[in-house]
Protein backbone atom coordinates (compact mmCIF):
# COMPACT_ATOMS: atom_id res chain seq x y z
CA MET A 1 -4.21 -9.48 -7.48
CA LYS A 2 -0.45 -9.08 -7.35
CA VAL A 3 1.43 -7.85 -4.25
CA SER A 4 2.74 -4.86 -6.24
CA LYS A 5 -0.81 -3.67 -6.98
CA LEU A 6 -1.82 -4.03 -3.32
CA ILE A 7 1.29 -2.15 -2.15
CA GLU A 8 0.61 0.63 -4.67
CA PHE A 9 -2.98 0.99 -3.47
CA LEU A 10 -2.17 0.76 0.25
CA SER A 11 0.62 3.33 -0.03
CA SER A 12 -2.03 5.99 -0.72
CA CYS A 13 -4.26 4.94 2.21
CA ASP A 14 -4.43 6.18 5.79
CA PRO A 15 -1.88 4.00 7.67
CA ASP A 16 -4.25 3.87 10.67
CA ALA A 17 -7.23 2.62 8.63
CA GLU A 18 -8.55 -0.90 9.22
CA VAL A 19 -8.09 -3.57 6.52
CA LEU A 20 -11.39 -5.39 6.00
CA LEU A 21 -12.40 -8.23 3.69
CA VAL A 22 -15.78 -8.09 1.99
CA THR A 23 -16.84 -11.69 1.39
CA GLN A 24 -19.75 -13.46 -0.35
CA SER A 25 -20.86 -11.22 -3.22
CA SER A 26 -24.43 -12.55 -3.09
CA TYR A 27 -24.82 -11.82 0.66
CA PRO A 28 -21.85 -9.60 1.58
CA PHE A 29 -20.22 -9.27 4.98
CA GLU A 30 -17.41 -6.96 6.05
CA CYS A 31 -14.91 -9.00 8.04
CA SER A 32 -11.86 -8.04 10.03
CA THR A 33 -8.51 -9.53 9.03
CA SER A 34 -6.65 -11.49 11.65
CA GLY A 35 -3.28 -11.84 9.94
CA PHE A 36 -1.31 -12.79 6.87
CA CYS A 37 1.51 -15.09 5.82
CA THR A 38 2.99 -16.73 2.75
CA ARG A 39 2.48 -20.37 1.84
CA GLU A 40 6.20 -20.83 2.55
CA GLN A 41 5.84 -19.44 6.08
CA LEU A 42 2.88 -21.75 6.62
CA ALA A 43 4.91 -24.74 5.41
CA ASP A 44 7.78 -23.74 7.73
CA HIS A 45 5.34 -23.43 10.63
CA LEU A 46 4.04 -26.92 9.90
CA GLU A 47 7.64 -28.12 9.64
CA ALA A 48 6.88 -29.44 6.18
CA GLU A 49 9.14 -28.80 3.22
CA TYR A 50 6.38 -29.64 0.74
CA ASP A 51 2.67 -30.22 1.21
CA ASP A 52 0.22 -30.74 -1.68
CA GLN A 53 -2.47 -28.79 0.20
CA LEU A 54 -0.19 -25.75 0.48
CA THR A 55 0.94 -25.55 -3.13
CA THR A 56 -1.93 -27.01 -5.18
CA GLY A 57 -2.93 -24.21 -7.54
CA GLY A 58 -0.52 -21.76 -5.98
CA LYS A 59 3.10 -20.81 -5.31
CA LEU A 60 4.99 -20.78 -2.02
CA SER A 61 5.37 -17.00 -2.42
CA ASP A 62 1.56 -16.43 -2.48
CA VAL A 63 0.31 -14.16 0.32
CA LEU A 64 -2.59 -15.51 2.38
CA ILE A 65 -4.80 -13.11 4.36
CA THR A 66 -6.82 -14.69 7.15
CA GLU A 67 -10.36 -13.63 7.93
CA GLY A 68 -11.08 -12.49 11.47
CA SER A 69 -14.69 -12.01 12.52
CA GLN A 70 -17.76 -10.71 10.74
CA ILE A 71 -18.30 -7.07 11.65
CA ARG A 72 -21.33 -5.96 9.65
CA TYR A 73 -23.24 -6.50 6.45
CA GLY A 74 -21.42 -5.26 3.36
CA SER A 75 -22.52 -3.80 0.05
CA LYS A 76 -22.94 -5.76 -3.19
CA HIS A 77 -21.60 -2.66 -4.96
CA THR A 78 -18.11 -3.29 -3.53
CA TRP A 79 -17.36 -5.60 -6.47
CA ASN A 80 -18.14 -2.78 -8.93
CA VAL A 81 -15.72 -0.17 -7.50
CA ARG A 82 -12.71 -2.28 -6.57
CA SER A 83 -9.31 -1.07 -7.71
């Protein structure tokens, strides 16, 4: 997913709604999100200009969303109705 698609979708949502991740399609859980950053911000935080682990298969501008805690079981149907 591109940031522009996420922004477009979120702009039509209730600004007070929670953002949840549904993980594990075979045994889904709804999870809270605990934060977000870019790979570049992570590299800056680690005081590293370049780190293979941070950029392998990705770009420094990629947005990373961190999982919080599991809240409840999710629905397998989530993967069928995603935007």
